[in-house]
Amino acid sequence: MNDRTKLFVAALLAVICACGVNQGSKQIQNEYPLSFVMTVRNPAPFDRKDEIVSLSPGEIPGSVALFNPDAAVVLHRGRELASQAVDGDGDGHTDRFVFLSDFKAGEARAFVIHTAADGVKVRAYPKRTQAELSRKTGGRFVKRVYEGGVFENVSSIRVPPEHTDHSFDIRYEGPGWESDRAAYRLYLDWRNAIDMFGKKIPDMVLQDVGQDGFDSYHSMLDWGQDVLKVGPSLGLGSLGMWLKGKAERVAVTDSVFCRITSNGPVFSSVRILYSGWKIGGNKYRLTSDLSITAGDRLTKHAIAMDQNPVNLCTGIVRMDGTAVLNGPTEGKWSYLATWGRQSLAGDSLGLAVFFRNGDRIQMAEDQHSHVVVLKPRDGELTYYLAGCWEQEPGGVRSLAAFKTWLSHTVERLGAPLQIVPPGE
């Protein structure tokens, strides 16, 4: 159990009660009769908007297990906050409970969480994240190109052996995930690279992408367009291994399985299982979890492997005329970033990967990518990726503004929210 969970457990054990509290509407109290209070602190010297608070009820022992994350409502000063139960493994069992809140600099904010003893109760909140996967059915492969059929959304897919790049059987060529700030996709073939859609509106758009001509998103539409040219590079934060002076992507595998693990109002995620990744004379089983939260550009990429390789790497496509930015070598977090007129729309685009300084092995580059080589710990590694397009609502429109956003993101990652133990 980590320190955050221990603090959470201590706080809940001190204040949980089976009788409920006198906050919120009578309807909420009737439907969610159990309640407890918890306090969360923002340790940073800056305000935070739409910050995700994540609780892991499966780790909570004893009487605190009365908390049912599948039927819960969060209130702050009587106002209901958007929340969601999260099945991070996609196995039908809730792993976490998340909700969104704003915080002032240094603020400790108290929340009342109402819950029902059992059952599932889903409340409606504005949809600010999405993850989807869409494949064609009703047609057939002809020389590795899918002919006929119609697209339908599915929760999972085992990639067929006939599938390759431009097989036209998977809409926009793989899974997609988005928030009201940014949208991303991953090529679910030998490229296994991450691409970015630039969004001009905060609405969810992925459900419409590629429906009218498959790759119409390469041109500007009402919602935006594909803004990144990936080619043979690492694109934006794709995973690879650094071998003989080159970033090698996850290209040769025995099989690939993709699942939409969450598709909710404030949190959405995709899991990809690569069996038999052949690289450097070895074979690995690799689990890749990509997730995004409302109000945020960042995608979290959490990786787990059945062995501990000497390195993993990620990076950004090399583009002529762009500024390459390297973050601090001191502190918990740093970044590799680029800025310039590198968008397929011909305008400014900032690209970044954020990583822990303690994981850094070296900064490097090859013919196609700017690279950071990282050290996994016990087969695990976590980093973040993000793009900032100048046409997005409230977009970053200058190098100076992009540098400010990079520095702020490093500070934010280095100062996570804290659960306040009772008595403080």
Foldseek 3Di string as FASTA:
>chain_A
DDPQQVQVLQACVVWWDQQADPAADPVLCVQQVTKGKFKWWFAAQAKFFFDKDKHFLVPHDDPSVQADLQFKWKDFRRDTWDKDFFQQVLPPDTGIIMTTDIGGHGDIGMMMMGHHSDDGDDDDDAAFKFKWKKFFPDFDFDQLATDDGAIDIDQKDWDDPSHAPNSLGIQVQAMKMGGLFWIKGARPALQRAIFTWHFLGSDDDPVPHCRPPRQPLLDQDPGGHGWADQPNHNAFWAKAAQDPQDTHHQGDAPIKMKGWRDTGRFKTKIKMWTFFRDDPNDTKIKIWMWMDGYPDQKIKIKMAIPAFDAKMKGFHWDDPPKDWDWFDLDAFKIKTKIWDLRTSVRAIKIKMKMATSVFFDDFHDDPTTGMTIGGADNRIGMIMIGMFDQSYVVTDHDPVSVVVVRVVVRSDVRRDMHIHRPPD
